[in-house]
PDB file of all heavy atoms in Angstrom:
ATOM      1  N   THR A   1     -77.127-160.217-168.859  1.00  0.00           N
ATOM      2  CA  THR A   1     -76.404-160.168-170.133  1.00  0.00           C
ATOM      3  C   THR A   1     -77.262-159.705-171.307  1.00  0.00           C
ATOM      4  O   THR A   1     -76.737-159.454-172.389  1.00  0.00           O
ATOM      5  CB  THR A   1     -75.833-161.556-170.481  1.00  0.00           C
ATOM      6  OG1 THR A   1     -76.916-162.460-170.739  1.00  0.00           O
ATOM      7  CG2 THR A   1     -75.002-162.102-169.328  1.00  0.00           C
ATOM      8  N   GLY A   2     -78.584-159.616-171.101  1.00  0.00           N
ATOM      9  CA  GLY A   2     -79.466-159.212-172.192  1.00  0.00           C
ATOM     10  C   GLY A   2     -79.780-160.334-173.161  1.00  0.00           C
ATOM     11  O   GLY A   2     -80.350-160.082-174.228  1.00  0.00           O
ATOM     12  N   PHE A   3     -79.436-161.573-172.812  1.00  0.00           N
ATOM     13  CA  PHE A   3     -79.667-162.684-173.744  1.00  0.00           C
ATOM     14  C   PHE A   3     -80.120-163.934-172.990  1.00  0.00           C
ATOM     15  O   PHE A   3     -79.577-164.273-171.941  1.00  0.00           O
ATOM     16  CB  PHE A   3     -78.385-163.005-174.523  1.00  0.00           C
ATOM     17  CG  PHE A   3     -78.535-164.167-175.473  1.00  0.00           C
ATOM     18  CD1 PHE A   3     -79.308-164.065-176.612  1.00  0.00           C
ATOM     19  CD2 PHE A   3     -77.911-165.380-175.205  1.00  0.00           C
ATOM     20  CE1 PHE A   3     -79.455-165.134-177.486  1.00  0.00           C
ATOM     21  CE2 PHE A   3     -78.048-166.462-176.069  1.00  0.00           C
ATOM     22  CZ  PHE A   3     -78.821-166.334-177.207  1.00  0.00           C
ATOM     23  N   VAL A   4     -81.143-164.603-173.535  1.00  0.00           N
ATOM     24  CA  VAL A   4     -81.626-165.872-172.989  1.00  0.00           C
ATOM     25  C   VAL A   4     -81.640-166.909-174.110  1.00  0.00           C
ATOM     26  O   VAL A   4     -82.198-166.667-175.180  1.00  0.00           O
ATOM     27  CB  VAL A   4     -83.050-165.729-172.404  1.00  0.00           C
ATOM     28  CG1 VAL A   4     -83.542-167.075-171.873  1.00  0.00           C
ATOM     29  CG2 VAL A   4     -83.082-164.677-171.315  1.00  0.00           C
ATOM     30  N   ARG A   5     -81.026-168.045-173.869  1.00  0.00           N
ATOM     31  CA  ARG A   5     -80.964-169.104-174.876  1.00  0.00           C
ATOM     32  C   ARG A   5     -82.321-169.780-175.047  1.00  0.00           C
ATOM     33  O   ARG A   5     -83.095-169.911-174.100  1.00  0.00           O
ATOM     34  CB  ARG A   5     -79.934-170.151-174.474  1.00  0.00           C
ATOM     35  CG  ARG A   5     -78.514-169.635-174.405  1.00  0.00           C
ATOM     36  CD  ARG A   5     -77.569-170.705-173.883  1.00  0.00           C
ATOM     37  NE  ARG A   5     -77.929-171.103-172.518  1.00  0.00           N
ATOM     38  CZ  ARG A   5     -77.321-172.072-171.856  1.00  0.00           C
ATOM     39  NH1 ARG A   5     -76.339-172.743-172.416  1.00  0.00           N
ATOM     40  NH2 ARG A   5     -77.700-172.373-170.621  1.00  0.00           N
ATOM     41  N   ALA A   6     -82.583-170.257-176.256  1.00  0.00           N
ATOM     42  CA  ALA A   6     -83.842-170.958-176.531  1.00  0.00           C
ATOM     43  C   ALA A   6     -83.975-172.204-175.664  1.00  0.00           C
ATOM     44  O   ALA A   6     -85.087-172.592-175.290  1.00  0.00           O
ATOM     45  CB  ALA A   6     -83.915-171.336-178.011  1.00  0.00           C
ATOM     46  N   ARG A   7     -82.862-172.818-175.301  1.00  0.00           N
ATOM     47  CA  ARG A   7     -82.904-174.029-174.486  1.00  0.00           C
ATOM     48  C   ARG A   7     -83.507-173.748-173.111  1.00  0.00           C
ATOM     49  O   ARG A   7     -84.195-174.594-172.538  1.00  0.00           O
ATOM     50  CB  ARG A   7     -81.498-174.614-174.337  1.00  0.00           C
ATOM     51  CG  ARG A   7     -81.473-175.998-173.678  1.00  0.00           C
ATOM     52  CD  ARG A   7     -80.102-176.622-173.769  1.00  0.00           C
ATOM     53  NE  ARG A   7     -79.120-175.890-172.974  1.00  0.00           N
ATOM     54  CZ  ARG A   7     -77.841-176.239-172.866  1.00  0.00           C
ATOM     55  NH1 ARG A   7     -77.382-177.291-173.534  1.00  0.00           N
ATOM     56  NH2 ARG A   7     -77.009-175.544-172.125  1.00  0.00           N
ATOM     57  N   SER A   8     -83.246-172.572-172.579  1.00  0.00           N
ATOM     58  CA  SER A   8     -83.808-172.204-171.276  1.00  0.00           C
ATOM     59  C   SER A   8     -85.322-172.048-171.354  1.00  0.00           C
ATOM     60  O   SER A   8     -86.056-172.485-170.463  1.00  0.00           O
ATOM     61  CB  SER A   8     -83.175-170.900-170.773  1.00  0.00           C
ATOM     62  OG  SER A   8     -81.788-171.050-170.584  1.00  0.00           O
ATOM     63  N   VAL A   9     -85.794-171.408-172.420  1.00  0.00           N
ATOM     64  CA  VAL A   9     -87.234-171.254-172.599  1.00  0.00           C
ATOM     65  C   VAL A   9     -87.880-172.616-172.841  1.00  0.00           C
ATOM     66  O   VAL A   9     -88.976-172.892-172.341  1.00  0.00           O
ATOM     67  CB  VAL A   9     -87.544-170.288-173.757  1.00  0.00           C
ATOM     68  CG1 VAL A   9     -89.057-170.156-173.968  1.00  0.00           C
ATOM     69  CG2 VAL A   9     -86.943-168.912-173.486  1.00  0.00           C
ATOM     70  N   MET A  10     -87.196-173.488-173.577  1.00  0.00           N
ATOM     71  CA  MET A  10     -87.726-174.823-173.818  1.00  0.00           C
ATOM     72  C   MET A  10     -87.842-175.609-172.511  1.00  0.00           C
ATOM     73  O   MET A  10     -88.790-176.388-172.324  1.00  0.00           O
ATOM     74  CB  MET A  10     -86.839-175.573-174.812  1.00  0.00           C
ATOM     75  CG  MET A  10     -87.336-176.982-175.149  1.00  0.00           C
ATOM     76  SD  MET A  10     -89.022-176.994-175.857  1.00  0.00           S
ATOM     77  CE  MET A  10     -88.668-176.397-177.525  1.00  0.00           C
ATOM     78  N   HIS A  11     -86.911-175.399-171.608  1.00  0.00           N
ATOM     79  CA  HIS A  11     -86.983-176.042-170.290  1.00  0.00           C
ATOM     80  C   HIS A  11     -88.267-175.624-169.576  1.00  0.00           C
ATOM     81  O   HIS A  11     -88.967-176.462-168.979  1.00  0.00           O
ATOM     82  CB  HIS A  11     -85.756-175.662-169.464  1.00  0.00           C
ATOM     83  CG  HIS A  11     -85.575-176.501-168.239  1.00  0.00           C
ATOM     84  ND1 HIS A  11     -84.638-176.204-167.267  1.00  0.00           N
ATOM     85  CD2 HIS A  11     -86.217-177.629-167.795  1.00  0.00           C
ATOM     86  CE1 HIS A  11     -84.712-177.109-166.307  1.00  0.00           C
ATOM     87  NE2 HIS A  11     -85.655-177.975-166.596  1.00  0.00           N
ATOM     88  N   LEU A  12     -88.596-174.330-169.641  1.00  0.00           N
ATOM     89  CA  LEU A  12     -89.833-173.841-169.044  1.00  0.00           C
ATOM     90  C   LEU A  12     -91.043-174.425-169.760  1.00  0.00           C
ATOM     91  O   LEU A  12     -92.015-174.846-169.118  1.00  0.00           O
ATOM     92  CB  LEU A  12     -89.866-172.313-169.094  1.00  0.00           C
ATOM     93  CG  LEU A  12     -91.139-171.640-168.570  1.00  0.00           C
ATOM     94  CD1 LEU A  12     -91.332-171.927-167.082  1.00  0.00           C
ATOM     95  CD2 LEU A  12     -91.107-170.142-168.823  1.00  0.00           C
ATOM     96  N   ARG A  13     -91.000-174.477-171.088  1.00  0.00           N
ATOM     97  CA  ARG A  13     -92.127-175.004-171.869  1.00  0.00           C
ATOM     98  C   ARG A  13     -92.378-176.482-171.556  1.00  0.00           C
ATOM     99  O   ARG A  13     -93.533-176.926-171.504  1.00  0.00           O
ATOM    100  CB  ARG A  13     -91.854-174.814-173.362  1.00  0.00           C
ATOM    101  CG  ARG A  13     -91.770-173.357-173.781  1.00  0.00           C
ATOM    102  CD  ARG A  13     -91.283-173.188-175.208  1.00  0.00           C
ATOM    103  NE  ARG A  13     -92.344-173.443-176.171  1.00  0.00           N
ATOM    104  CZ  ARG A  13     -92.157-173.411-177.487  1.00  0.00           C
ATOM    105  NH1 ARG A  13     -90.938-173.150-177.981  1.00  0.00           N
ATOM    106  NH2 ARG A  13     -93.145-173.635-178.307  1.00  0.00           N
ATOM    107  N   GLU A  14     -91.317-177.221-171.324  1.00  0.00           N
ATOM    108  CA  GLU A  14     -91.471-178.635-170.962  1.00  0.00           C
ATOM    109  C   GLU A  14     -92.171-178.775-169.612  1.00  0.00           C
ATOM    110  O   GLU A  14     -93.022-179.649-169.425  1.00  0.00           O
ATOM    111  CB  GLU A  14     -90.101-179.310-170.919  1.00  0.00           C
ATOM    112  CG  GLU A  14     -89.478-179.495-172.293  1.00  0.00           C
ATOM    113  CD  GLU A  14     -88.002-179.869-172.228  1.00  0.00           C
ATOM    114  OE1 GLU A  14     -87.409-179.821-171.124  1.00  0.00           O
ATOM    115  OE2 GLU A  14     -87.433-180.204-173.285  1.00  0.00           O
ATOM    116  N   GLN A  15     -91.827-177.895-168.684  1.00  0.00           N
ATOM    117  CA  GLN A  15     -92.480-177.925-167.376  1.00  0.00           C
ATOM    118  C   GLN A  15     -93.945-177.523-167.477  1.00  0.00           C
ATOM    119  O   GLN A  15     -94.809-178.107-166.811  1.00  0.00           O
ATOM    120  CB  GLN A  15     -91.756-176.986-166.400  1.00  0.00           C
ATOM    121  CG  GLN A  15     -90.369-177.444-166.002  1.00  0.00           C
ATOM    122  CD  GLN A  15     -90.404-178.754-165.242  1.00  0.00           C
ATOM    123  OE1 GLN A  15     -91.154-178.907-164.281  1.00  0.00           O
ATOM    124  NE2 GLN A  15     -89.595-179.714-165.679  1.00  0.00           N
ATOM    125  N   LEU A  16     -94.249-176.545-168.333  1.00  0.00           N
ATOM    126  CA  LEU A  16     -95.634-176.130-168.531  1.00  0.00           C
ATOM    127  C   LEU A  16     -96.453-177.256-169.148  1.00  0.00           C
ATOM    128  O   LEU A  16     -97.627-177.446-168.814  1.00  0.00           O
ATOM    129  CB  LEU A  16     -95.696-174.887-169.429  1.00  0.00           C
ATOM    130  CG  LEU A  16     -95.046-173.608-168.898  1.00  0.00           C
ATOM    131  CD1 LEU A  16     -95.220-172.476-169.884  1.00  0.00           C
ATOM    132  CD2 LEU A  16     -95.626-173.223-167.548  1.00  0.00           C
ATOM    133  N   THR A  17     -95.843-178.008-170.046  1.00  0.00           N
ATOM    134  CA  THR A  17     -96.528-179.142-170.661  1.00  0.00           C
ATOM    135  C   THR A  17     -96.835-180.209-169.614  1.00  0.00           C
ATOM    136  O   THR A  17     -97.918-180.796-169.600  1.00  0.00           O
ATOM    137  CB  THR A  17     -95.667-179.747-171.784  1.00  0.00           C
ATOM    138  OG1 THR A  17     -95.449-178.746-172.789  1.00  0.00           O
ATOM    139  CG2 THR A  17     -96.359-180.946-172.416  1.00  0.00           C
ATOM    140  N   ASP A  18     -95.883-180.446-168.711  1.00  0.00           N
ATOM    141  CA  ASP A  18     -96.091-181.446-167.660  1.00  0.00           C
ATOM    142  C   ASP A  18     -97.175-181.014-166.679  1.00  0.00           C
ATOM    143  O   ASP A  18     -97.989-181.830-166.239  1.00  0.00           O
ATOM    144  CB  ASP A  18     -94.786-181.684-166.877  1.00  0.00           C
ATOM    145  CG  ASP A  18     -93.731-182.381-167.719  1.00  0.00           C
ATOM    146  OD1 ASP A  18     -94.094-182.986-168.746  1.00  0.00           O
ATOM    147  OD2 ASP A  18     -92.546-182.305-167.352  1.00  0.00           O
ATOM    148  N   LYS A  19     -97.190-179.716-166.339  1.00  0.00           N
ATOM    149  CA  LYS A  19     -98.119-179.236-165.316  1.00  0.00           C
ATOM    150  C   LYS A  19     -99.490-178.876-165.874  1.00  0.00           C
ATOM    151  O   LYS A  19    -100.481-178.900-165.154  1.00  0.00           O
ATOM    152  CB  LYS A  19     -97.541-177.994-164.617  1.00  0.00           C
ATOM    153  CG  LYS A  19     -96.164-178.184-163.993  1.00  0.00           C
ATOM    154  CD  LYS A  19     -96.179-179.196-162.883  1.00  0.00           C
ATOM    155  CE  LYS A  19     -94.857-179.217-162.120  1.00  0.00           C
ATOM    156  NZ  LYS A  19     -93.699-179.552-162.961  1.00  0.00           N
ATOM    157  N   GLY A  20     -99.562-178.529-167.154  1.00  0.00           N
ATOM    158  CA  GLY A  20    -100.822-178.075-167.731  1.00  0.00           C
ATOM    159  C   GLY A  20    -101.642-179.200-168.329  1.00  0.00           C
ATOM    160  O   GLY A  20    -101.283-180.375-168.284  1.00  0.00           O
ATOM    161  N   GLN A  21    -102.753-178.796-168.905  1.00  0.00           N
ATOM    162  CA  GLN A  21    -103.656-179.757-169.532  1.00  0.00           C
ATOM    163  C   GLN A  21    -103.383-179.914-171.031  1.00  0.00           C
ATOM    164  O   GLN A  21    -104.037-180.686-171.699  1.00  0.00           O
ATOM    165  CB  GLN A  21    -105.112-179.287-169.345  1.00  0.00           C
ATOM    166  CG  GLN A  21    -105.489-179.019-167.905  1.00  0.00           C
ATOM    167  CD  GLN A  21    -105.420-180.260-167.048  1.00  0.00           C
ATOM    168  OE1 GLN A  21    -105.840-181.329-167.477  1.00  0.00           O
ATOM    169  NE2 GLN A  21    -104.870-180.139-165.852  1.00  0.00           N
ATOM    170  N   CYS A  22    -102.406-179.178-171.528  1.00  0.00           N
ATOM    171  CA  CYS A  22    -102.132-179.167-172.965  1.00  0.00           C
ATOM    172  C   CYS A  22    -100.745-179.744-173.233  1.00  0.00           C
ATOM    173  O   CYS A  22     -99.777-179.412-172.550  1.00  0.00           O
ATOM    174  CB  CYS A  22    -102.229-177.736-173.499  1.00  0.00           C
ATOM    175  SG  CYS A  22    -101.976-177.602-175.261  1.00  0.00           S
ATOM    176  N   SER A  23    -100.651-180.586-174.227  1.00  0.00           N
ATOM    177  CA  SER A  23     -99.389-181.275-174.515  1.00  0.00           C
ATOM    178  C   SER A  23     -98.564-180.599-175.599  1.00  0.00           C
ATOM    179  O   SER A  23     -97.523-181.120-175.988  1.00  0.00           O
ATOM    180  CB  SER A  23     -99.688-182.724-174.943  1.00  0.00           C
ATOM    181  OG  SER A  23    -100.482-182.728-176.125  1.00  0.00           O
ATOM    182  N   SER A  24     -99.017-179.441-176.080  1.00  0.00           N
ATOM    183  CA  SER A  24     -98.338-178.829-177.227  1.00  0.00           C
ATOM    184  C   SER A  24     -97.613-177.536-176.890  1.00  0.00           C
ATOM    185  O   SER A  24     -97.314-176.743-177.781  1.00  0.00           O
ATOM    186  CB  SER A  24     -99.357-178.575-178.354  1.00  0.00           C
ATOM    187  OG  SER A  24    -100.423-177.767-177.897  1.00  0.00           O
ATOM    188  N   PHE A  25     -97.301-177.305-175.617  1.00  0.00           N
ATOM    189  CA  PHE A  25     -96.589-176.088-175.248  1.00  0.00           C
ATOM    190  C   PHE A  25     -95.156-176.082-175.768  1.00  0.00           C
ATOM    191  O   PHE A  25     -94.530-175.035-175.847  1.00  0.00           O
ATOM    192  CB  PHE A  25     -96.584-175.910-173.728  1.00  0.00           C
ATOM    193  CG  PHE A  25     -97.656-174.979-173.225  1.00  0.00           C
ATOM    194  CD1 PHE A  25     -98.833-175.477-172.707  1.00  0.00           C
ATOM    195  CD2 PHE A  25     -97.496-173.608-173.297  1.00  0.00           C
ATOM    196  CE1 PHE A  25     -99.830-174.623-172.255  1.00  0.00           C
ATOM    197  CE2 PHE A  25     -98.484-172.739-172.850  1.00  0.00           C
ATOM    198  CZ  PHE A  25     -99.659-173.259-172.333  1.00  0.00           C
TER     199      PHE A  25
END
């Protein structure tokens, strides 16, 4: 569709925060 909602990216960022060493993703 050419569009991605911010909520989807935030879902990824939450996972990166859980898996990474940094809490501010």
